[in-house]
Amino acid sequence: MNQMVRTATQLGAYIQDTRARKGISQQQLAEMIGKHQKTISSIEQGSAGTKLETLLLVLAALDLNIQISARSKAAPDIGDIF
């Protein structure tokens, strides 16, 4: 399933949902990546300050990937205006 996220809060919510669907507690996920439960809680809340390396560890532990694509500007086509 592909999910578009544009904010830290959206990413945190997606991580939390995925973790819960897999039946993994915050503590278990933290142990899987060698971090504290507080770190997982912060990520899931969309808090600032998470290291990119930590975020990548969380995604890998949950079998998730990041796919980057150009952002849609949603500007109207000139043909649609006239």
Protein backbone atom coordinates (compact mmCIF):
# COMPACT_ATOMS: atom_id res chain seq x y z
CA MET A 1 0.00 0.00 0.00
CA ASN A 2 1.33 3.43 -0.93
CA GLN A 3 0.75 6.31 1.46
CA MET A 4 1.61 9.93 0.77
CA VAL A 5 2.93 11.82 3.76
CA ARG A 6 4.00 15.45 3.79
CA THR A 7 4.45 16.21 7.47
CA ALA A 8 6.21 14.67 10.43
CA THR A 9 2.83 14.20 12.11
CA GLN A 10 1.48 12.23 9.13
CA LEU A 11 4.60 10.07 9.02
CA GLY A 12 4.41 9.42 12.75
CA ALA A 13 0.76 8.42 12.49
CA TYR A 14 1.54 6.05 9.61
CA ILE A 15 4.38 4.47 11.59
CA GLN A 16 2.14 4.10 14.63
CA ASP A 17 -0.64 2.51 12.56
CA THR A 18 1.77 0.08 10.88
CA ARG A 19 3.35 -0.87 14.20
CA ALA A 20 -0.05 -1.50 15.78
CA ARG A 21 -1.28 -3.55 12.79
CA LYS A 22 1.82 -5.75 13.16
CA GLY A 23 1.10 -6.23 16.87
CA ILE A 24 4.39 -4.65 17.96
CA SER A 25 4.56 -2.46 21.06
CA GLN A 26 6.62 0.72 21.20
CA GLN A 27 8.96 -1.03 23.62
CA GLN A 28 9.42 -4.00 21.29
CA LEU A 29 10.12 -1.73 18.32
CA ALA A 30 12.61 0.25 20.38
CA GLU A 31 14.42 -2.95 21.36
CA MET A 32 14.49 -4.09 17.72
CA ILE A 33 16.43 -0.96 16.72
CA GLY A 34 18.46 -0.44 19.91
CA LYS A 35 16.68 2.72 21.04
CA HIS A 36 14.48 3.79 23.94
CA GLN A 37 10.67 3.54 23.95
CA LYS A 38 10.58 7.34 24.36
CA THR A 39 12.23 7.66 20.95
CA ILE A 40 9.47 5.65 19.28
CA SER A 41 6.83 7.71 21.07
CA SER A 42 8.44 10.94 19.86
CA ILE A 43 8.57 9.71 16.27
CA GLU A 44 4.93 8.64 16.37
CA GLN A 45 3.95 12.06 17.72
CA GLY A 46 5.79 13.77 14.86
CA SER A 47 8.17 15.53 17.21
CA ALA A 48 11.11 17.45 15.79
CA GLY A 49 14.66 16.28 16.34
CA THR A 50 14.55 12.66 15.20
CA LYS A 51 17.77 11.62 13.52
CA LEU A 52 17.36 10.44 9.95
CA GLU A 53 19.33 7.29 10.81
CA THR A 54 16.86 6.45 13.58
CA LEU A 55 13.89 7.03 11.31
CA LEU A 56 15.39 4.73 8.68
CA LEU A 57 15.95 2.03 11.33
CA VAL A 58 12.29 2.27 12.38
CA LEU A 59 11.09 2.03 8.78
CA ALA A 60 13.31 -0.98 8.10
CA ALA A 61 12.13 -2.73 11.27
CA LEU A 62 8.54 -2.28 10.10
CA ASP A 63 9.37 -3.44 6.55
CA LEU A 64 8.61 0.00 5.11
CA ASN A 65 10.41 1.91 2.36
CA ILE A 66 10.63 5.58 1.45
CA GLN A 67 9.84 6.57 -2.11
CA ILE A 68 10.53 10.15 -3.11
CA SER A 69 8.69 11.79 -5.98
CA ALA A 70 8.17 15.30 -7.29
CA ARG A 71 5.45 17.19 -5.48
CA SER A 72 2.37 17.96 -7.52
CA LYS A 73 1.80 21.70 -7.85
CA ALA A 74 -1.88 21.19 -8.74
CA ALA A 75 -1.77 24.28 -10.95
CA PRO A 76 -4.56 24.51 -13.51
CA ASP A 77 -3.66 23.85 -17.11
CA ILE A 78 -4.01 26.93 -19.29
CA GLY A 79 -6.46 24.99 -21.45
CA ASP A 80 -8.73 24.50 -18.45
CA ILE A 81 -8.91 28.25 -17.80
CA PHE A 82 -10.21 29.27 -21.26
